[in-house]
Structure formats: structure tokens, C-alpha cells
Amino acid sequence: MGGAGRAAAGGRGPPGAVGGGGAGPPGAGGGAPPTTGGKRLYPWGEEPPGPRRANLDGRLLGPVDVAAFPEGDSAFGCRQMIGNVWEWCDDDFAPYPGFIRDPYKEYSEPWFGDHKVQRGGSWATRGRMLRNTWRNFAPPDRRDLFVGFRTCALE
């Protein structure tokens, strides 16, 4: 179980990460290639997360099968890009271009460079907090987080 869709850069997360299955490449399974129409706030479009799109808000008390929320699929057929498990990424946690420190400077800035990025939220994350650009971070040796990795299945 776990989220799925895009492979993390480098192809794998840290040791002990929970994995999952995924959707194939654009057009896999006989469907027409997708058109995205530009950037989206969420993988599926502009509507906020809800119980029919993602495993969030602690409703199901753990990860679910990757096919459980088809209404949350991206235009490319990637599944559960938000919810289920945080996605370990191979990216170092660093500021976005134009970063401006907010009054709570102790939250992110001290961790730039020695933590890895996590994306997508987990089953325990509040849906109202998430969007495509929202990140979390942790050192890669942590084992007490709801974090996994996403894979891409070629069909």
C-alpha cells in the first residue's frame, strides 16, 4: 500500500520507506494522452481535497489501496499524489526562489540543506493545508513518520 504515480528523483526513498503501486505513463491503458491546461492547485484541478479524492484528515486511520480514490487522479493518471503517505523525495530541503522568512523562522530555515523533502501529505494530514507546492521535511533516517515512496508502473 501507499501512494503512487511519480517516482522520486533517484528512483527510491530512504531505507525502510513504505512503497506502493502506480499508474502508467500518459496514455497507458488505452486512454487518450492527457492535456493539463497549465498549472493546477491540486493534481486533479482546482477543487479542494475531500473524502472522494484523497485519503486525508485521519478518516481511514492508515494507508489504503492506490486505486481507492480515482477522482483524485491527475490529468496524467497519477494516483494519490496527495494523501495516503508523504512521499520521500531525493531533493534536499531548500528555500523556493524568492523565499521570504516569516515570523516563525525556526520552522523551516534552520533545516535547509540537511533534511530531505516530503510531498503530498499522509492519511493523517489535514486536507485544508495541502496544495501541489506544499512540502514537509525530515532527516532521511527518521522511522516514525507516515512517509513512503511513489513508484510508476509501466503497463
C-alpha atoms as a PDB file:
ATOM      1  CA  MET A   1       0.000   0.000   0.000  1.00  0.00           C
ATOM      2  CA  GLY A   2       0.996   3.608  -0.331  1.00  0.00           C
ATOM      3  CA  GLY A   3       0.667   6.478  -2.731  1.00  0.00           C
ATOM      4  CA  ALA A   4       1.787   6.218  -6.300  1.00  0.00           C
ATOM      5  CA  GLY A   5       2.331   7.991  -9.543  1.00  0.00           C
ATOM      6  CA  ARG A   6       5.708   9.604  -9.927  1.00  0.00           C
ATOM      7  CA  ALA A   7       8.986   8.069  -8.941  1.00  0.00           C
ATOM      8  CA  ALA A   8      11.031  10.158  -6.557  1.00  0.00           C
ATOM      9  CA  ALA A   9      14.183  11.550  -8.129  1.00  0.00           C
ATOM     10  CA  GLY A  10      16.838   8.879  -7.926  1.00  0.00           C
ATOM     11  CA  GLY A  11      14.169   6.179  -8.007  1.00  0.00           C
ATOM     12  CA  ARG A  12      13.950   5.349  -4.317  1.00  0.00           C
ATOM     13  CA  GLY A  13      13.379   6.754  -0.881  1.00  0.00           C
ATOM     14  CA  PRO A  14      15.338   6.178   2.287  1.00  0.00           C
ATOM     15  CA  PRO A  15      15.674   2.704   3.813  1.00  0.00           C
ATOM     16  CA  GLY A  16      12.520   1.431   5.485  1.00  0.00           C
ATOM     17  CA  ALA A  17      10.119   3.556   3.412  1.00  0.00           C
ATOM     18  CA  VAL A  18       6.676   2.153   2.627  1.00  0.00           C
ATOM     19  CA  GLY A  19       6.081   1.636  -1.108  1.00  0.00           C
ATOM     20  CA  GLY A  20       3.100   1.491  -3.391  1.00  0.00           C
ATOM     21  CA  GLY A  21       1.858   0.857  -6.902  1.00  0.00           C
ATOM     22  CA  GLY A  22       1.102   3.433  -9.523  1.00  0.00           C
ATOM     23  CA  ALA A  23      -0.464   4.470 -12.744  1.00  0.00           C
ATOM     24  CA  GLY A  24       1.320   4.050 -16.029  1.00  0.00           C
ATOM     25  CA  PRO A  25       2.692   6.743 -18.299  1.00  0.00           C
ATOM     26  CA  PRO A  26       0.436   9.190 -20.161  1.00  0.00           C
ATOM     27  CA  GLY A  27      -1.875   7.300 -22.481  1.00  0.00           C
ATOM     28  CA  ALA A  28      -1.261   3.908 -20.837  1.00  0.00           C
ATOM     29  CA  GLY A  29      -4.220   1.595 -20.687  1.00  0.00           C
ATOM     30  CA  GLY A  30      -5.717   2.748 -23.992  1.00  0.00           C
ATOM     31  CA  GLY A  31      -6.773   6.205 -22.827  1.00  0.00           C
ATOM     32  CA  ALA A  32      -6.095   9.391 -24.757  1.00  0.00           C
ATOM     33  CA  PRO A  33      -2.999  11.364 -23.763  1.00  0.00           C
ATOM     34  CA  PRO A  34      -3.959  13.990 -21.182  1.00  0.00           C
ATOM     35  CA  THR A  35      -3.934  17.725 -21.517  1.00  0.00           C
ATOM     36  CA  THR A  36      -3.332  19.647 -18.331  1.00  0.00           C
ATOM     37  CA  GLY A  37      -4.340  23.153 -19.363  1.00  0.00           C
ATOM     38  CA  GLY A  38      -1.479  24.610 -17.281  1.00  0.00           C
ATOM     39  CA  LYS A  39      -0.600  24.545 -13.603  1.00  0.00           C
ATOM     40  CA  ARG A  40      -3.104  23.195 -11.101  1.00  0.00           C
ATOM     41  CA  LEU A  41      -3.574  23.883  -7.426  1.00  0.00           C
ATOM     42  CA  TYR A  42      -4.211  20.153  -6.840  1.00  0.00           C
ATOM     43  CA  PRO A  43      -3.344  17.119  -9.017  1.00  0.00           C
ATOM     44  CA  TRP A  44      -6.979  16.804 -10.199  1.00  0.00           C
ATOM     45  CA  GLY A  45      -7.626  20.545 -10.723  1.00  0.00           C
ATOM     46  CA  GLU A  46      -8.751  23.474  -8.592  1.00  0.00           C
ATOM     47  CA  GLU A  47     -11.317  21.870  -6.266  1.00  0.00           C
ATOM     48  CA  PRO A  48     -10.024  21.371  -2.697  1.00  0.00           C
ATOM     49  CA  PRO A  49      -9.308  17.901  -1.294  1.00  0.00           C
ATOM     50  CA  GLY A  50     -12.280  15.970   0.007  1.00  0.00           C
ATOM     51  CA  PRO A  51     -13.247  12.424   1.003  1.00  0.00           C
ATOM     52  CA  ARG A  52     -13.800  11.336  -2.626  1.00  0.00           C
ATOM     53  CA  ARG A  53     -10.369  12.496  -3.852  1.00  0.00           C
ATOM     54  CA  ALA A  54      -7.761  11.629  -1.219  1.00  0.00           C
ATOM     55  CA  ASN A  55      -7.027   9.715   1.974  1.00  0.00           C
ATOM     56  CA  LEU A  56      -6.608  12.663   4.362  1.00  0.00           C
ATOM     57  CA  ASP A  57      -7.762  14.001   7.727  1.00  0.00           C
ATOM     58  CA  GLY A  58      -7.290  10.654   9.527  1.00  0.00           C
ATOM     59  CA  ARG A  59     -10.652   9.352   8.275  1.00  0.00           C
ATOM     60  CA  LEU A  60      -9.407   5.866   7.348  1.00  0.00           C
ATOM     61  CA  LEU A  61      -6.726   5.526  10.060  1.00  0.00           C
ATOM     62  CA  GLY A  62      -3.977   4.343   7.700  1.00  0.00           C
ATOM     63  CA  PRO A  63      -2.894   3.883   4.087  1.00  0.00           C
ATOM     64  CA  VAL A  64      -5.313   2.411   1.550  1.00  0.00           C
ATOM     65  CA  ASP A  65      -5.006   0.758  -1.859  1.00  0.00           C
ATOM     66  CA  VAL A  66      -3.696   3.052  -4.579  1.00  0.00           C
ATOM     67  CA  ALA A  67      -6.904   2.614  -6.630  1.00  0.00           C
ATOM     68  CA  ALA A  68      -9.192   3.719  -3.773  1.00  0.00           C
ATOM     69  CA  PHE A  69      -9.624   7.351  -4.927  1.00  0.00           C
ATOM     70  CA  PRO A  70      -9.876   7.526  -8.748  1.00  0.00           C
ATOM     71  CA  GLU A  71     -11.457  11.012  -8.565  1.00  0.00           C
ATOM     72  CA  GLY A  72      -8.131  12.235  -7.190  1.00  0.00           C
ATOM     73  CA  ASP A  73      -6.095  11.056 -10.208  1.00  0.00           C
ATOM     74  CA  SER A  74      -4.076  13.708 -12.029  1.00  0.00           C
ATOM     75  CA  ALA A  75      -4.599  14.553 -15.704  1.00  0.00           C
ATOM     76  CA  PHE A  76      -1.723  12.147 -16.397  1.00  0.00           C
ATOM     77  CA  GLY A  77      -3.346   9.273 -14.483  1.00  0.00           C
ATOM     78  CA  CYS A  78      -1.010   9.543 -11.490  1.00  0.00           C
ATOM     79  CA  ARG A  79      -2.734   8.324  -8.366  1.00  0.00           C
ATOM     80  CA  GLN A  80      -2.766   9.636  -4.815  1.00  0.00           C
ATOM     81  CA  MET A  81      -0.320  12.466  -5.333  1.00  0.00           C
ATOM     82  CA  ILE A  82      -1.948  13.963  -2.235  1.00  0.00           C
ATOM     83  CA  GLY A  83      -2.750  11.811   0.797  1.00  0.00           C
ATOM     84  CA  ASN A  84      -2.069   8.239   1.880  1.00  0.00           C
ATOM     85  CA  VAL A  85       1.666   8.660   2.667  1.00  0.00           C
ATOM     86  CA  TRP A  86       4.085  11.558   2.447  1.00  0.00           C
ATOM     87  CA  GLU A  87       6.424  10.988  -0.495  1.00  0.00           C
ATOM     88  CA  TRP A  88      10.155  10.910   0.219  1.00  0.00           C
ATOM     89  CA  CYS A  89      11.937  12.872  -2.490  1.00  0.00           C
ATOM     90  CA  ASP A  90      15.639  12.859  -3.277  1.00  0.00           C
ATOM     91  CA  ASP A  91      15.672  16.669  -3.077  1.00  0.00           C
ATOM     92  CA  ASP A  92      17.449  18.473  -0.273  1.00  0.00           C
ATOM     93  CA  PHE A  93      15.095  20.762   1.630  1.00  0.00           C
ATOM     94  CA  ALA A  94      15.962  24.273   0.450  1.00  0.00           C
ATOM     95  CA  PRO A  95      14.064  27.533   0.015  1.00  0.00           C
ATOM     96  CA  TYR A  96      11.947  28.132  -3.056  1.00  0.00           C
ATOM     97  CA  PRO A  97      13.169  31.008  -5.272  1.00  0.00           C
ATOM     98  CA  GLY A  98      12.085  34.279  -3.676  1.00  0.00           C
ATOM     99  CA  PHE A  99      11.836  32.745  -0.194  1.00  0.00           C
ATOM    100  CA  ILE A 100      10.987  35.286   2.498  1.00  0.00           C
ATOM    101  CA  ARG A 101      11.341  34.300   6.134  1.00  0.00           C
ATOM    102  CA  ASP A 102       8.086  34.545   8.047  1.00  0.00           C
ATOM    103  CA  PRO A 103       7.810  35.389  11.762  1.00  0.00           C
ATOM    104  CA  TYR A 104       8.158  31.691  12.650  1.00  0.00           C
ATOM    105  CA  LYS A 105      11.739  31.455  11.360  1.00  0.00           C
ATOM    106  CA  GLU A 106      12.575  28.419  13.496  1.00  0.00           C
ATOM    107  CA  TYR A 107      10.238  26.176  11.498  1.00  0.00           C
ATOM    108  CA  SER A 108      11.980  25.755   8.144  1.00  0.00           C
ATOM    109  CA  GLU A 109      15.086  27.883   7.686  1.00  0.00           C
ATOM    110  CA  PRO A 110      17.331  26.059  10.214  1.00  0.00           C
ATOM    111  CA  TRP A 111      16.742  22.792   8.331  1.00  0.00           C
ATOM    112  CA  PHE A 112      17.710  23.916   4.832  1.00  0.00           C
ATOM    113  CA  GLY A 113      20.342  21.606   3.366  1.00  0.00           C
ATOM    114  CA  ASP A 114      20.429  18.662   5.784  1.00  0.00           C
ATOM    115  CA  HIS A 115      16.829  17.409   5.510  1.00  0.00           C
ATOM    116  CA  LYS A 116      15.040  15.723   2.599  1.00  0.00           C
ATOM    117  CA  VAL A 117      11.790  16.911   1.029  1.00  0.00           C
ATOM    118  CA  GLN A 118       8.491  15.134   1.565  1.00  0.00           C
ATOM    119  CA  ARG A 119       5.475  15.905  -0.636  1.00  0.00           C
ATOM    120  CA  GLY A 120       1.794  15.120  -0.841  1.00  0.00           C
ATOM    121  CA  GLY A 121       0.706  14.692   2.766  1.00  0.00           C
ATOM    122  CA  SER A 122      -0.323  11.482   4.501  1.00  0.00           C
ATOM    123  CA  TRP A 123      -3.594   9.954   5.626  1.00  0.00           C
ATOM    124  CA  ALA A 124      -3.173  11.932   8.875  1.00  0.00           C
ATOM    125  CA  THR A 125      -2.587  15.342   7.200  1.00  0.00           C
ATOM    126  CA  ARG A 126      -5.346  17.945   7.207  1.00  0.00           C
ATOM    127  CA  GLY A 127      -6.589  18.435   3.649  1.00  0.00           C
ATOM    128  CA  ARG A 128      -7.066  22.165   4.163  1.00  0.00           C
ATOM    129  CA  MET A 129      -3.274  22.522   4.500  1.00  0.00           C
ATOM    130  CA  LEU A 130      -2.279  20.907   1.196  1.00  0.00           C
ATOM    131  CA  ARG A 131      -1.645  22.055  -2.359  1.00  0.00           C
ATOM    132  CA  ASN A 132       0.774  20.868  -5.061  1.00  0.00           C
ATOM    133  CA  THR A 133       3.644  23.063  -3.829  1.00  0.00           C
ATOM    134  CA  TRP A 134       3.346  22.288  -0.102  1.00  0.00           C
ATOM    135  CA  ARG A 135       6.343  20.431   1.325  1.00  0.00           C
ATOM    136  CA  ASN A 136       7.376  18.862   4.561  1.00  0.00           C
ATOM    137  CA  PHE A 137      10.903  17.838   5.537  1.00  0.00           C
ATOM    138  CA  ALA A 138      12.805  15.459   7.777  1.00  0.00           C
ATOM    139  CA  PRO A 139      16.213  13.837   8.052  1.00  0.00           C
ATOM    140  CA  PRO A 140      16.241  10.645   5.955  1.00  0.00           C
ATOM    141  CA  ASP A 141      16.915   8.370   8.938  1.00  0.00           C
ATOM    142  CA  ARG A 142      13.545   9.096  10.630  1.00  0.00           C
ATOM    143  CA  ARG A 143      11.358   5.984  11.032  1.00  0.00           C
ATOM    144  CA  ASP A 144       8.398   7.445  12.919  1.00  0.00           C
ATOM    145  CA  LEU A 145       6.674   9.337  10.090  1.00  0.00           C
ATOM    146  CA  PHE A 146       3.831   8.433   7.720  1.00  0.00           C
ATOM    147  CA  VAL A 147       6.230   8.537   4.768  1.00  0.00           C
ATOM    148  CA  GLY A 148       6.748   6.226   1.808  1.00  0.00           C
ATOM    149  CA  PHE A 149       7.753   6.473  -1.802  1.00  0.00           C
ATOM    150  CA  ARG A 150       5.835   6.544  -5.059  1.00  0.00           C
ATOM    151  CA  THR A 151       6.508   4.233  -7.955  1.00  0.00           C
ATOM    152  CA  CYS A 152       5.497   4.256 -11.585  1.00  0.00           C
ATOM    153  CA  ALA A 153       4.197   1.074 -13.188  1.00  0.00           C
ATOM    154  CA  LEU A 154       4.610   0.603 -16.929  1.00  0.00           C
ATOM    155  CA  GLU A 155       1.797  -1.454 -18.381  1.00  0.00           C
END
